[in-house]
Amino acid sequence: MKNILLIFLLVGLLSACIPNKEVINHSFLYKGEGKEWKAELEYEAKEVWEKDKEGVNIYSGKDNYIFTLTYKGEVKELASLNKLSYTFKRGTTGEGSSTQTFDEPVTQKIFTSKGGGTGAIMREDESVHVEVEWDGKKEAFELAEKDLKTNHSKVGTDK
């Protein structure tokens, strides 16, 4: 009887030590350029895999990004710019866009947008498609993944 009690005690202790949550942090840097513009997407995501009390798998994902678009020429070439629009498609997980109009001469050649969300996240094998339109001109190009950092950690039960 003592052996059975000891076995149950050991199984209980071991199951308390087995991780029931896995956290994966991703950090991607994508870069690319066309003839007149270059862009970079800094992308960070966190996904959590865990089990609920009934043993059902639960997934959650959260991401944030900073998209930077840079004109490759001189800023004075943009001085008469009236409108700038750009879109970037992040693989199959979403897109971002911005449209800016200018009433005064443009004094910068770097344009940035930030965002984030929850749900599915980008994977390292996905590409980013960029489209830029400015004063009747268009350019499109792809961003390729240049730097990848992924960190896995397992967490014990939350009992």
C-alpha atoms as a PDB file:
ATOM      1  CA  MET A   1       0.000   0.000   0.000  1.00  0.00           C
ATOM      2  CA  LYS A   2       2.888   2.319   0.812  1.00  0.00           C
ATOM      3  CA  ASN A   3       4.364   1.658  -2.648  1.00  0.00           C
ATOM      4  CA  ILE A   4       1.117   2.622  -4.383  1.00  0.00           C
ATOM      5  CA  LEU A   5       0.884   5.794  -2.310  1.00  0.00           C
ATOM      6  CA  LEU A   6       4.526   6.579  -3.099  1.00  0.00           C
ATOM      7  CA  ILE A   7       3.887   6.055  -6.850  1.00  0.00           C
ATOM      8  CA  PHE A   8       0.890   8.428  -6.795  1.00  0.00           C
ATOM      9  CA  LEU A   9       2.944  10.997  -4.913  1.00  0.00           C
ATOM     10  CA  LEU A  10       5.811  10.760  -7.425  1.00  0.00           C
ATOM     11  CA  VAL A  11       3.455  10.984 -10.422  1.00  0.00           C
ATOM     12  CA  GLY A  12       1.812  14.057  -8.887  1.00  0.00           C
ATOM     13  CA  LEU A  13       5.170  15.721  -8.287  1.00  0.00           C
ATOM     14  CA  LEU A  14       6.433  14.896 -11.778  1.00  0.00           C
ATOM     15  CA  SER A  15       3.292  16.162 -13.482  1.00  0.00           C
ATOM     16  CA  ALA A  16       3.640  19.440 -11.589  1.00  0.00           C
ATOM     17  CA  CYS A  17       7.132  19.816 -13.087  1.00  0.00           C
ATOM     18  CA  ILE A  18       6.137  19.135 -16.697  1.00  0.00           C
ATOM     19  CA  PRO A  19       5.701  22.389 -18.601  1.00  0.00           C
ATOM     20  CA  ASN A  20       2.174  23.127 -19.792  1.00  0.00           C
ATOM     21  CA  LYS A  21       2.964  26.428 -21.466  1.00  0.00           C
ATOM     22  CA  GLU A  22       5.452  27.203 -24.212  1.00  0.00           C
ATOM     23  CA  VAL A  23       6.322  30.806 -25.067  1.00  0.00           C
ATOM     24  CA  ILE A  24       8.068  31.555 -28.367  1.00  0.00           C
ATOM     25  CA  ASN A  25       9.451  35.033 -29.059  1.00  0.00           C
ATOM     26  CA  HIS A  26      10.286  35.962 -32.653  1.00  0.00           C
ATOM     27  CA  SER A  27      12.229  38.923 -33.976  1.00  0.00           C
ATOM     28  CA  PHE A  28      12.577  39.414 -37.751  1.00  0.00           C
ATOM     29  CA  LEU A  29      14.226  42.165 -39.761  1.00  0.00           C
ATOM     30  CA  TYR A  30      13.256  42.471 -43.434  1.00  0.00           C
ATOM     31  CA  LYS A  31      15.040  44.788 -45.891  1.00  0.00           C
ATOM     32  CA  GLY A  32      14.730  45.575 -49.562  1.00  0.00           C
ATOM     33  CA  GLU A  33      14.842  48.339 -52.139  1.00  0.00           C
ATOM     34  CA  GLY A  34      13.640  49.490 -55.497  1.00  0.00           C
ATOM     35  CA  LYS A  35      15.076  52.100 -57.835  1.00  0.00           C
ATOM     36  CA  GLU A  36      14.018  55.153 -55.806  1.00  0.00           C
ATOM     37  CA  TRP A  37      12.879  53.809 -52.409  1.00  0.00           C
ATOM     38  CA  LYS A  38      14.156  51.380 -49.798  1.00  0.00           C
ATOM     39  CA  ALA A  39      12.301  49.914 -46.855  1.00  0.00           C
ATOM     40  CA  GLU A  40      12.766  47.956 -43.681  1.00  0.00           C
ATOM     41  CA  LEU A  41      10.305  46.080 -41.491  1.00  0.00           C
ATOM     42  CA  GLU A  42      11.213  45.346 -37.878  1.00  0.00           C
ATOM     43  CA  TYR A  43       8.816  42.657 -36.697  1.00  0.00           C
ATOM     44  CA  GLU A  44       8.441  41.150 -33.227  1.00  0.00           C
ATOM     45  CA  ALA A  45       5.948  38.519 -32.179  1.00  0.00           C
ATOM     46  CA  LYS A  46       5.134  36.388 -29.179  1.00  0.00           C
ATOM     47  CA  GLU A  47       3.147  33.195 -29.366  1.00  0.00           C
ATOM     48  CA  VAL A  48       1.954  31.135 -26.431  1.00  0.00           C
ATOM     49  CA  TRP A  49       0.943  27.485 -26.594  1.00  0.00           C
ATOM     50  CA  GLU A  50      -0.710  26.027 -23.510  1.00  0.00           C
ATOM     51  CA  LYS A  51      -3.365  23.606 -22.295  1.00  0.00           C
ATOM     52  CA  ASP A  52      -6.485  24.497 -20.387  1.00  0.00           C
ATOM     53  CA  LYS A  53      -7.790  22.521 -17.378  1.00  0.00           C
ATOM     54  CA  GLU A  54      -9.386  19.931 -19.673  1.00  0.00           C
ATOM     55  CA  GLY A  55      -6.164  19.436 -21.650  1.00  0.00           C
ATOM     56  CA  VAL A  56      -7.347  21.344 -24.736  1.00  0.00           C
ATOM     57  CA  ASN A  57      -4.588  23.189 -26.630  1.00  0.00           C
ATOM     58  CA  ILE A  58      -4.857  26.989 -26.597  1.00  0.00           C
ATOM     59  CA  TYR A  59      -2.888  29.318 -28.888  1.00  0.00           C
ATOM     60  CA  SER A  60      -2.425  33.068 -28.679  1.00  0.00           C
ATOM     61  CA  GLY A  61      -0.230  35.339 -30.779  1.00  0.00           C
ATOM     62  CA  LYS A  62       0.645  39.000 -30.504  1.00  0.00           C
ATOM     63  CA  ASP A  63       2.853  41.095 -32.786  1.00  0.00           C
ATOM     64  CA  ASN A  64       4.269  44.586 -33.253  1.00  0.00           C
ATOM     65  CA  TYR A  65       6.057  46.157 -36.181  1.00  0.00           C
ATOM     66  CA  ILE A  66       7.863  49.289 -37.282  1.00  0.00           C
ATOM     67  CA  PHE A  67       7.904  49.937 -41.023  1.00  0.00           C
ATOM     68  CA  THR A  68      10.383  52.494 -42.358  1.00  0.00           C
ATOM     69  CA  LEU A  69      10.304  53.794 -45.930  1.00  0.00           C
ATOM     70  CA  THR A  70      13.258  55.897 -47.114  1.00  0.00           C
ATOM     71  CA  TYR A  71      13.662  57.881 -50.318  1.00  0.00           C
ATOM     72  CA  LYS A  72      17.075  57.097 -51.823  1.00  0.00           C
ATOM     73  CA  GLY A  73      17.570  60.461 -53.511  1.00  0.00           C
ATOM     74  CA  GLU A  74      18.041  63.908 -52.035  1.00  0.00           C
ATOM     75  CA  VAL A  75      15.289  65.367 -49.851  1.00  0.00           C
ATOM     76  CA  LYS A  76      15.125  68.414 -52.136  1.00  0.00           C
ATOM     77  CA  GLU A  77      13.782  66.090 -54.871  1.00  0.00           C
ATOM     78  CA  LEU A  78      10.708  65.522 -52.668  1.00  0.00           C
ATOM     79  CA  ALA A  79      10.161  69.224 -51.874  1.00  0.00           C
ATOM     80  CA  SER A  80       7.241  69.535 -54.317  1.00  0.00           C
ATOM     81  CA  LEU A  81       5.636  66.228 -53.278  1.00  0.00           C
ATOM     82  CA  ASN A  82       1.860  66.529 -52.876  1.00  0.00           C
ATOM     83  CA  LYS A  83       0.896  62.973 -51.936  1.00  0.00           C
ATOM     84  CA  LEU A  84       2.683  59.809 -50.797  1.00  0.00           C
ATOM     85  CA  SER A  85       0.956  56.435 -50.394  1.00  0.00           C
ATOM     86  CA  TYR A  86       2.514  53.117 -49.506  1.00  0.00           C
ATOM     87  CA  THR A  87       1.330  49.625 -48.684  1.00  0.00           C
ATOM     88  CA  PHE A  88       3.240  46.656 -47.339  1.00  0.00           C
ATOM     89  CA  LYS A  89       1.796  43.142 -47.241  1.00  0.00           C
ATOM     90  CA  ARG A  90       3.188  40.914 -44.510  1.00  0.00           C
ATOM     91  CA  GLY A  91       2.998  37.458 -46.006  1.00  0.00           C
ATOM     92  CA  THR A  92      -0.431  36.017 -45.252  1.00  0.00           C
ATOM     93  CA  THR A  93      -0.881  37.725 -41.885  1.00  0.00           C
ATOM     94  CA  GLY A  94      -1.830  41.271 -42.767  1.00  0.00           C
ATOM     95  CA  GLU A  95      -0.812  44.526 -44.276  1.00  0.00           C
ATOM     96  CA  GLY A  96      -0.151  48.116 -43.387  1.00  0.00           C
ATOM     97  CA  SER A  97      -0.611  51.273 -45.363  1.00  0.00           C
ATOM     98  CA  SER A  98      -0.293  55.023 -45.116  1.00  0.00           C
ATOM     99  CA  THR A  99      -1.302  57.999 -47.229  1.00  0.00           C
ATOM    100  CA  GLN A 100       0.096  61.427 -46.532  1.00  0.00           C
ATOM    101  CA  THR A 101      -0.650  64.719 -48.252  1.00  0.00           C
ATOM    102  CA  PHE A 102       1.624  67.722 -48.026  1.00  0.00           C
ATOM    103  CA  ASP A 103       0.637  71.403 -48.090  1.00  0.00           C
ATOM    104  CA  GLU A 104       4.189  72.612 -47.538  1.00  0.00           C
ATOM    105  CA  PRO A 105       7.535  71.486 -48.997  1.00  0.00           C
ATOM    106  CA  VAL A 106       8.646  68.089 -47.718  1.00  0.00           C
ATOM    107  CA  THR A 107      11.665  68.328 -45.414  1.00  0.00           C
ATOM    108  CA  GLN A 108      12.218  64.646 -44.686  1.00  0.00           C
ATOM    109  CA  LYS A 109      12.866  61.528 -46.722  1.00  0.00           C
ATOM    110  CA  ILE A 110      12.120  58.916 -44.048  1.00  0.00           C
ATOM    111  CA  PHE A 111       8.518  57.861 -43.370  1.00  0.00           C
ATOM    112  CA  THR A 112       7.573  55.483 -40.556  1.00  0.00           C
ATOM    113  CA  SER A 113       4.479  53.630 -39.445  1.00  0.00           C
ATOM    114  CA  LYS A 114       3.934  51.357 -36.453  1.00  0.00           C
ATOM    115  CA  GLY A 115       1.307  48.808 -35.577  1.00  0.00           C
ATOM    116  CA  GLY A 116       0.499  45.450 -34.122  1.00  0.00           C
ATOM    117  CA  GLY A 117      -2.247  43.039 -33.308  1.00  0.00           C
ATOM    118  CA  THR A 118      -3.256  39.616 -32.067  1.00  0.00           C
ATOM    119  CA  GLY A 119      -3.816  36.312 -33.832  1.00  0.00           C
ATOM    120  CA  ALA A 120      -1.668  34.637 -36.460  1.00  0.00           C
ATOM    121  CA  ILE A 121       1.923  35.822 -36.757  1.00  0.00           C
ATOM    122  CA  MET A 122       4.390  36.027 -39.651  1.00  0.00           C
ATOM    123  CA  ARG A 123       6.768  33.149 -40.241  1.00  0.00           C
ATOM    124  CA  GLU A 124      10.401  33.529 -41.256  1.00  0.00           C
ATOM    125  CA  ASP A 125       9.801  32.093 -44.729  1.00  0.00           C
ATOM    126  CA  GLU A 126       7.197  34.739 -45.643  1.00  0.00           C
ATOM    127  CA  SER A 127       8.086  37.763 -47.728  1.00  0.00           C
ATOM    128  CA  VAL A 128       6.963  41.383 -47.555  1.00  0.00           C
ATOM    129  CA  HIS A 129       5.665  43.120 -50.677  1.00  0.00           C
ATOM    130  CA  VAL A 130       5.940  46.937 -50.789  1.00  0.00           C
ATOM    131  CA  GLU A 131       4.139  49.319 -53.148  1.00  0.00           C
ATOM    132  CA  VAL A 132       4.870  53.065 -53.192  1.00  0.00           C
ATOM    133  CA  GLU A 133       2.956  55.766 -55.099  1.00  0.00           C
ATOM    134  CA  TRP A 134       4.005  59.411 -55.179  1.00  0.00           C
ATOM    135  CA  ASP A 135       2.851  62.165 -57.487  1.00  0.00           C
ATOM    136  CA  GLY A 136       1.841  59.851 -60.324  1.00  0.00           C
ATOM    137  CA  LYS A 137       4.828  57.495 -60.025  1.00  0.00           C
ATOM    138  CA  LYS A 138       4.769  53.894 -58.801  1.00  0.00           C
ATOM    139  CA  GLU A 139       7.343  51.445 -57.546  1.00  0.00           C
ATOM    140  CA  ALA A 140       7.040  47.942 -56.103  1.00  0.00           C
ATOM    141  CA  PHE A 141       9.661  45.694 -54.525  1.00  0.00           C
ATOM    142  CA  GLU A 142      10.105  42.829 -52.060  1.00  0.00           C
ATOM    143  CA  LEU A 143      11.698  42.804 -48.632  1.00  0.00           C
ATOM    144  CA  ALA A 144      13.756  39.772 -47.684  1.00  0.00           C
ATOM    145  CA  GLU A 145      14.422  38.494 -44.186  1.00  0.00           C
ATOM    146  CA  LYS A 146      17.901  39.617 -43.089  1.00  0.00           C
ATOM    147  CA  ASP A 147      18.001  38.742 -39.406  1.00  0.00           C
ATOM    148  CA  LEU A 148      16.074  36.179 -37.401  1.00  0.00           C
ATOM    149  CA  LYS A 149      15.982  35.605 -33.672  1.00  0.00           C
ATOM    150  CA  THR A 150      13.666  33.064 -32.055  1.00  0.00           C
ATOM    151  CA  ASN A 151      13.617  32.231 -28.364  1.00  0.00           C
ATOM    152  CA  HIS A 152      11.651  29.288 -26.889  1.00  0.00           C
ATOM    153  CA  SER A 153      10.861  28.908 -23.212  1.00  0.00           C
ATOM    154  CA  LYS A 154       8.746  26.392 -21.362  1.00  0.00           C
ATOM    155  CA  VAL A 155       6.859  27.337 -18.245  1.00  0.00           C
ATOM    156  CA  GLY A 156       5.527  24.958 -15.582  1.00  0.00           C
ATOM    157  CA  THR A 157       1.923  24.616 -14.587  1.00  0.00           C
ATOM    158  CA  ASP A 158       0.022  27.598 -13.252  1.00  0.00           C
ATOM    159  CA  LYS A 159      -1.682  25.533 -10.515  1.00  0.00           C
END
